[in-house]
Each structure stands twice: as structure tokens, then as C-alpha cells.
């Protein structure tokens, strides 16, 4: 048993040190290497959320569907926990725990592992990013915490979470926005495209004013870029607005695709060109457009 535990520990270290982390692989590795004796029934009242859990709001409808599935089939895969001073911290599986509470279950199968705080933080972020997307502001705060706690660069972080460097940079840039505008982004009152333009401006009052105009007048991203330029609004970061006049009839489609895919998109000669940085970035784009490898 001791040899098995040592092998498991080495495997986890290798997984966490890899460039691209996949929470499914981590959980599968733990689940497949755990003996029957290591899967225990824990009282749900003894469990508390991962302190690094970035998600503050859980989708009630999705939880109800999961609860119904558990009611019919039981908890198919144990949750993963870490022993704490009092009770246990949930490393992975908080949605399963919440769903079990909804249907009145008192116990849940679990595997106990001695994760470090850094590993718990990474898993909490990954579970949400890869299974049920955080809103943009939650994602930004999670990225910021990882950068600070793990002392890594944005480039290293982008590889770990399988996102493009530009995506990570743009998301973190949203934290420059005034709190009122961040709330509008979180609630999807304004789009990520709008938010990226606003995050590059300096004057908070002007940012709030423009955000309200977006909602009131249903302004496009191009409208906001043009307003920011025409009014010579002071910028934290220069806004690079594409000025190519060719293919003007398709420009709005390029903008829609750029916003959806978070990468450069060009339409020319009846062809759509989609740029990507690396394999992980390509896989991210394929997932968005629902293309299976």
C-alpha cells in the first residue's frame, strides 16, 4: 500500500507540473489508483467548500438536473477531499455535494488526499473552467489569484489552463474596470468585446458613462471604439482599431467571430481565416465551435 501511495504522489506531481492541466485527468488518476479501502463514506455536514473556489454562484437548474441523476443512479464518482483541522475541505466535487444536499442525502463517497494549497487552488479553477464556465469577472479574479499565489507569468498560466495568452491578458484586464461596470460584465449586460475596449480607458466616470450608453442605445463594439477615438478619451492602453476598408460587408461578421473565439479572424476571397497560437489554443477554438477531433 505504501508503494502505491508513493507512486500516486509522483503521478500527481507530474500532472501538476505539466504545461497543460486537465482536471478530468487528475481526478481519473486519483480514482483509478485508489483502493476500495480508500473510498470512504463521509458525513456531508463535515464538508466545507474549497477555500480557493472561485465560483460564488451555482446554476440552480444544472444542480437540480445533477440531483435528479444522483437520486436515480447514486454518486457514480467519489468526491476528492483534503483533511482539515475540523472536518474536510472539498478539493473537487462541490456541485455533487450541493446536489446531494438538495435531495437530503447525509453521506457521500470520498477519497482523501493530502493536496497542497497551490494544488487545491489549481483544481478549483480548472474544475470550473473545464466543466461549467465561470463568468468573466470570476475567471479574472481566479487568474489573478493563481498568478500571485503560484508566482508564474501570464504565459505560463495560459499554458496551464489551455487558453491563449491574449485571452488570459484580456480577462485579467477586466479588473481595471470600475466595480459597477464589472457587475455589468458578470451579468452579461455588456459583452466581453465592449468590456475589452472599456478596460483600456483611463477615466472611470467616462467608462461608466459609456457602459450605460452601450445598454441604452444598443451600441456595437465598433461604435464604442469610434466614440473613444473621436472624443480623444485618455487611455490606459492604446486601442488598436482595425482600419482596413476592404471586405467591409463582412467586418461585422469578423467582429462577431473575434468576440466569440477570442482570436484574430479574417474574411477574404470567400474564405474565413482563424488564427491560433498553439495546439491548446486550437483545441479551445474547436471546443467553442463544437468540432470533435
Protein backbone atom coordinates (compact mmCIF):
# COMPACT_ATOMS: atom_id res chain seq x y z
CA UNK A 1 0.00 0.00 0.00
CA UNK A 2 2.86 2.35 0.87
CA UNK A 3 4.42 1.82 -2.56
CA UNK A 4 1.08 2.50 -4.22
CA UNK A 5 0.69 5.78 -2.33
CA UNK A 6 4.22 6.86 -3.28
CA UNK A 7 3.52 6.09 -6.92
CA UNK A 8 0.28 8.06 -6.75
CA UNK A 9 2.06 11.05 -5.25
CA UNK A 10 4.67 11.03 -8.00
CA UNK A 11 1.93 10.79 -10.62
CA UNK A 12 0.12 13.81 -9.21
CA UNK A 13 3.32 15.85 -9.12
CA UNK A 14 3.89 15.03 -12.78
CA UNK A 15 0.32 16.03 -13.63
CA UNK A 16 0.55 19.34 -11.78
CA UNK A 17 3.92 20.16 -13.27
CA UNK A 18 2.73 19.61 -16.83
CA UNK A 19 2.19 22.62 -19.07
CA UNK A 20 -1.45 21.85 -19.71
CA UNK A 21 -3.56 20.76 -16.74
CA UNK A 22 -6.73 18.74 -17.14
CA UNK A 23 -8.93 18.23 -14.08
CA UNK A 24 -10.51 15.16 -15.66
CA UNK A 25 -7.10 13.51 -15.88
CA UNK A 26 -6.23 14.43 -12.30
CA UNK A 27 -9.50 13.06 -10.90
CA UNK A 28 -9.33 9.97 -13.09
CA UNK A 29 -5.78 9.28 -11.93
CA UNK A 30 -6.83 9.54 -8.28
CA UNK A 31 -9.98 7.49 -8.76
CA UNK A 32 -8.29 4.69 -10.71
CA UNK A 33 -5.37 4.33 -8.31
CA UNK A 34 -7.44 4.42 -5.11
CA UNK A 35 -8.12 1.07 -3.46
CA UNK A 36 -11.63 0.16 -2.30
CA UNK A 37 -10.47 0.76 1.28
CA UNK A 38 -9.52 4.33 0.39
CA UNK A 39 -13.05 5.21 -0.78
CA UNK A 40 -14.87 6.22 2.38
CA UNK A 41 -18.36 7.48 3.23
CA UNK A 42 -18.16 10.95 4.78
CA UNK A 43 -20.91 12.87 6.54
CA UNK A 44 -21.88 15.81 4.33
CA UNK A 45 -22.06 18.09 7.41
CA UNK A 46 -18.30 17.56 7.86
CA UNK A 47 -17.53 19.02 4.42
CA UNK A 48 -16.80 22.61 3.59
CA UNK A 49 -16.02 24.24 0.23
CA UNK A 50 -12.53 24.59 -1.14
CA UNK A 51 -11.40 28.00 0.23
CA UNK A 52 -9.99 28.75 -3.23
CA UNK A 53 -13.27 28.03 -5.01
CA UNK A 54 -13.70 30.95 -7.45
CA UNK A 55 -17.35 30.22 -8.23
CA UNK A 56 -19.71 32.10 -5.93
CA UNK A 57 -22.96 31.40 -7.78
CA UNK A 58 -24.06 27.92 -8.90
CA UNK A 59 -26.64 27.33 -11.62
CA UNK A 60 -29.77 26.10 -9.81
CA UNK A 61 -31.18 24.37 -12.86
CA UNK A 62 -27.96 22.48 -13.50
CA UNK A 63 -27.80 21.46 -9.84
CA UNK A 64 -31.38 20.17 -9.97
CA UNK A 65 -30.55 18.04 -13.01
CA UNK A 66 -27.48 16.64 -11.24
CA UNK A 67 -29.55 15.99 -8.11
CA UNK A 68 -32.11 14.02 -10.12
CA UNK A 69 -29.32 11.97 -11.71
CA UNK A 70 -27.82 11.21 -8.28
CA UNK A 71 -31.26 10.32 -6.93
CA UNK A 72 -31.67 7.77 -9.71
CA UNK A 73 -28.12 6.44 -10.10
CA UNK A 74 -26.30 7.49 -6.93
CA UNK A 75 -22.94 9.31 -6.81
CA UNK A 76 -21.02 7.48 -9.54
CA UNK A 77 -17.62 9.07 -8.87
CA UNK A 78 -16.42 9.90 -5.34
CA UNK A 79 -15.57 13.47 -4.48
CA UNK A 80 -11.97 14.32 -3.54
CA UNK A 81 -11.25 15.97 -0.21
CA UNK A 82 -8.39 17.14 1.97
CA UNK A 83 -8.41 16.63 5.75
CA UNK A 84 -8.50 19.95 7.57
CA UNK A 85 -8.29 20.93 11.24
CA UNK A 86 -12.03 20.43 11.55
CA UNK A 87 -13.70 18.16 9.01
CA UNK A 88 -12.72 18.11 5.34
CA UNK A 89 -12.21 20.63 2.54
CA UNK A 90 -13.70 19.74 -0.85
CA UNK A 91 -10.95 19.66 -3.46
CA UNK A 92 -13.17 18.53 -6.34
CA UNK A 93 -16.88 17.78 -6.42
CA UNK A 94 -18.64 20.68 -4.72
CA UNK A 95 -21.52 20.50 -7.21
CA UNK A 96 -22.04 16.84 -6.30
CA UNK A 97 -22.12 17.77 -2.62
CA UNK A 98 -24.65 20.56 -3.19
CA UNK A 99 -26.80 18.24 -5.31
CA UNK A 100 -26.74 15.59 -2.57
CA UNK A 101 -27.88 18.18 -0.03
CA UNK A 102 -30.81 19.10 -2.28
CA UNK A 103 -32.19 15.56 -2.12
CA UNK A 104 -31.46 15.09 1.58
CA UNK A 105 -28.52 12.67 1.43
CA UNK A 106 -26.41 12.62 4.58
CA UNK A 107 -23.30 10.82 3.29
CA UNK A 108 -21.22 10.89 0.12
CA UNK A 109 -18.35 8.67 -1.12
CA UNK A 110 -14.98 10.41 -0.97
CA UNK A 111 -11.26 9.90 -1.46
CA UNK A 112 -8.96 11.73 0.96
CA UNK A 113 -5.69 13.12 -0.40
CA UNK A 114 -3.05 15.48 1.11
CA UNK A 115 -3.16 18.23 -1.53
CA UNK A 116 -1.12 21.39 -1.12
CA UNK A 117 -2.86 24.77 -1.10
CA UNK A 118 -1.46 25.52 -4.56
CA UNK A 119 -2.84 22.26 -5.97
CA UNK A 120 -6.26 22.92 -4.39
CA UNK A 121 -6.33 26.35 -5.97
CA UNK A 122 -5.45 24.99 -9.40
CA UNK A 123 -8.06 22.23 -9.23
CA UNK A 124 -10.80 24.64 -8.04
CA UNK A 125 -10.17 26.91 -11.02
CA UNK A 126 -9.80 24.07 -13.51
CA UNK A 127 -12.95 22.28 -12.42
CA UNK A 128 -15.00 25.38 -13.11
CA UNK A 129 -13.23 26.43 -16.30
CA UNK A 130 -13.41 22.97 -17.85
CA UNK A 131 -16.85 21.88 -16.63
CA UNK A 132 -19.07 24.87 -16.01
CA UNK A 133 -17.67 28.22 -17.11
CA UNK A 134 -17.11 30.98 -14.60
CA UNK A 135 -18.44 34.38 -15.53
CA UNK A 136 -15.71 36.64 -16.89
CA UNK A 137 -15.13 38.54 -13.62
CA UNK A 138 -14.93 35.35 -11.52
CA UNK A 139 -12.48 33.99 -14.09
CA UNK A 140 -10.40 37.19 -13.89
CA UNK A 141 -10.15 37.03 -10.10
CA UNK A 142 -9.23 33.34 -10.28
CA UNK A 143 -6.45 34.01 -12.79
CA UNK A 144 -5.14 36.90 -10.68
CA UNK A 145 -5.03 34.68 -7.58
CA UNK A 146 -3.17 31.95 -9.44
CA UNK A 147 -0.62 34.42 -10.80
CA UNK A 148 0.04 35.82 -7.33
CA UNK A 149 -0.03 32.58 -5.32
CA UNK A 150 1.92 30.43 -7.77
CA UNK A 151 4.26 33.25 -8.81
CA UNK A 152 4.01 32.38 -12.51
CA UNK A 153 3.79 34.50 -15.66
CA UNK A 154 0.68 35.02 -17.79
CA UNK A 155 2.33 32.93 -20.48
CA UNK A 156 2.84 30.02 -18.05
CA UNK A 157 -0.70 30.37 -16.77
CA UNK A 158 -2.16 30.34 -20.27
CA UNK A 159 -0.42 27.02 -20.96
CA UNK A 160 -1.61 25.50 -17.68
CA UNK A 161 -5.27 26.34 -18.27
CA UNK A 162 -5.23 25.68 -22.02
CA UNK A 163 -6.15 29.24 -23.02
CA UNK A 164 -4.43 31.68 -25.35
CA UNK A 165 -2.13 34.28 -23.82
CA UNK A 166 -4.33 37.04 -25.26
CA UNK A 167 -7.41 35.51 -23.59
CA UNK A 168 -5.73 35.50 -20.18
CA UNK A 169 -4.48 39.07 -20.65
CA UNK A 170 -7.87 40.36 -21.80
CA UNK A 171 -9.73 38.65 -18.97
CA UNK A 172 -7.39 39.96 -16.27
CA UNK A 173 -7.66 43.42 -17.84
CA UNK A 174 -11.36 43.48 -16.89
CA UNK A 175 -10.32 44.01 -13.26
CA UNK A 176 -9.26 47.54 -14.25
CA UNK A 177 -12.93 48.37 -14.80
CA UNK A 178 -14.97 50.17 -12.10
CA UNK A 179 -16.93 47.78 -9.90
CA UNK A 180 -20.27 48.89 -11.39
CA UNK A 181 -19.06 48.00 -14.89
CA UNK A 182 -17.55 44.71 -13.70
CA UNK A 183 -21.03 43.82 -12.44
CA UNK A 184 -22.46 44.58 -15.89
CA UNK A 185 -19.91 42.21 -17.44
CA UNK A 186 -20.62 39.48 -14.87
CA UNK A 187 -24.36 39.80 -15.54
CA UNK A 188 -23.72 39.84 -19.31
CA UNK A 189 -25.41 43.23 -19.60
CA UNK A 190 -22.49 44.25 -21.80
CA UNK A 191 -20.36 41.89 -23.89
CA UNK A 192 -16.73 40.90 -23.49
CA UNK A 193 -15.94 42.85 -26.66
CA UNK A 194 -17.36 46.04 -25.14
CA UNK A 195 -15.60 45.35 -21.85
CA UNK A 196 -12.20 44.89 -23.51
CA UNK A 197 -12.47 48.35 -25.11
CA UNK A 198 -13.64 49.99 -21.87
CA UNK A 199 -10.87 48.32 -19.82
CA UNK A 200 -8.28 50.22 -21.87
CA UNK A 201 -9.69 53.65 -20.92
CA UNK A 202 -8.44 55.79 -18.04
CA UNK A 203 -11.37 57.83 -16.67
CA UNK A 204 -13.68 55.67 -14.51
CA UNK A 205 -16.56 58.13 -14.82
CA UNK A 206 -16.27 58.07 -18.62
CA UNK A 207 -16.11 54.26 -18.59
CA UNK A 208 -19.35 54.09 -16.58
CA UNK A 209 -20.96 56.66 -18.88
CA UNK A 210 -20.02 54.67 -21.99
CA UNK A 211 -21.15 51.39 -20.41
CA UNK A 212 -24.57 52.87 -19.75
CA UNK A 213 -24.75 54.17 -23.33
CA UNK A 214 -23.99 50.67 -24.63
CA UNK A 215 -27.07 49.38 -22.82
CA UNK A 216 -29.34 52.35 -23.53
CA UNK A 217 -28.52 52.66 -27.24
CA UNK A 218 -27.55 49.05 -28.01
CA UNK A 219 -24.14 50.19 -29.26
CA UNK A 220 -21.76 47.82 -31.05
CA UNK A 221 -18.11 47.28 -30.15
CA UNK A 222 -17.14 49.31 -33.22
CA UNK A 223 -19.38 52.18 -32.04
CA UNK A 224 -17.59 52.29 -28.68
CA UNK A 225 -14.13 52.13 -30.28
CA UNK A 226 -15.06 55.03 -32.57
CA UNK A 227 -16.54 57.09 -29.71
CA UNK A 228 -13.39 56.57 -27.65
CA UNK A 229 -11.23 57.75 -30.56
CA UNK A 230 -13.41 60.63 -31.71
CA UNK A 231 -13.69 62.08 -28.21
CA UNK A 232 -9.95 61.69 -27.59
CA UNK A 233 -10.60 59.89 -24.30
CA UNK A 234 -7.46 59.25 -22.26
CA UNK A 235 -6.42 55.60 -22.45
CA UNK A 236 -4.52 53.29 -20.12
CA UNK A 237 -3.68 51.15 -23.16
CA UNK A 238 -3.77 52.14 -26.79
CA UNK A 239 -6.81 50.80 -28.64
CA UNK A 240 -5.73 49.26 -31.92
CA UNK A 241 -8.80 49.56 -34.11
CA UNK A 242 -8.58 47.76 -37.41
CA UNK A 243 -8.96 50.28 -40.24
CA UNK A 244 -8.95 48.06 -43.31
CA UNK A 245 -11.73 49.13 -45.59
CA UNK A 246 -11.71 46.03 -47.76
CA UNK A 247 -14.28 43.36 -47.01
CA UNK A 248 -16.39 46.00 -45.23
CA UNK A 249 -19.53 43.99 -45.87
CA UNK A 250 -18.08 41.18 -43.72
CA UNK A 251 -16.46 43.31 -41.00
CA UNK A 252 -19.33 42.86 -38.57
CA UNK A 253 -19.10 39.09 -39.02
CA UNK A 254 -15.36 39.22 -38.35
CA UNK A 255 -16.09 41.16 -35.16
CA UNK A 256 -18.70 38.63 -34.04
CA UNK A 257 -16.31 35.74 -34.67
CA UNK A 258 -13.40 37.51 -32.96
CA UNK A 259 -15.53 38.10 -29.90
CA UNK A 260 -16.84 34.54 -29.81
CA UNK A 261 -13.49 32.83 -30.48
CA UNK A 262 -11.24 35.40 -28.77
CA UNK A 263 -8.71 35.30 -31.60
CA UNK A 264 -7.93 37.02 -34.90
CA UNK A 265 -10.43 36.27 -37.66
CA UNK A 266 -10.21 37.49 -41.26
CA UNK A 267 -12.66 37.06 -44.12
CA UNK A 268 -11.18 37.46 -47.60
CA UNK A 269 -11.87 35.96 -51.02
CA UNK A 270 -14.79 33.96 -49.63
CA UNK A 271 -12.55 32.32 -47.05
CA UNK A 272 -12.55 32.57 -43.25
CA UNK A 273 -9.08 32.60 -41.65
CA UNK A 274 -8.96 31.80 -37.92
CA UNK A 275 -5.66 32.30 -36.10
CA UNK A 276 -4.43 30.19 -33.17
CA UNK A 277 -1.25 30.27 -31.08
CA UNK A 278 -0.62 26.61 -30.26
CA UNK A 279 -2.32 23.20 -30.00
CA UNK A 280 -4.06 24.10 -26.74
CA UNK A 281 -5.43 27.28 -28.29
CA UNK A 282 -6.63 25.32 -31.35
CA UNK A 283 -8.39 22.81 -29.10
CA UNK A 284 -10.04 25.70 -27.25
CA UNK A 285 -11.39 27.09 -30.54
CA UNK A 286 -12.58 23.66 -31.73
CA UNK A 287 -14.44 23.22 -28.45
CA UNK A 288 -16.17 26.59 -28.85
CA UNK A 289 -17.38 25.72 -32.36
CA UNK A 290 -18.23 22.17 -31.24
CA UNK A 291 -15.87 20.33 -33.57
CA UNK A 292 -14.75 16.90 -32.30
CA UNK A 293 -11.22 15.74 -33.06
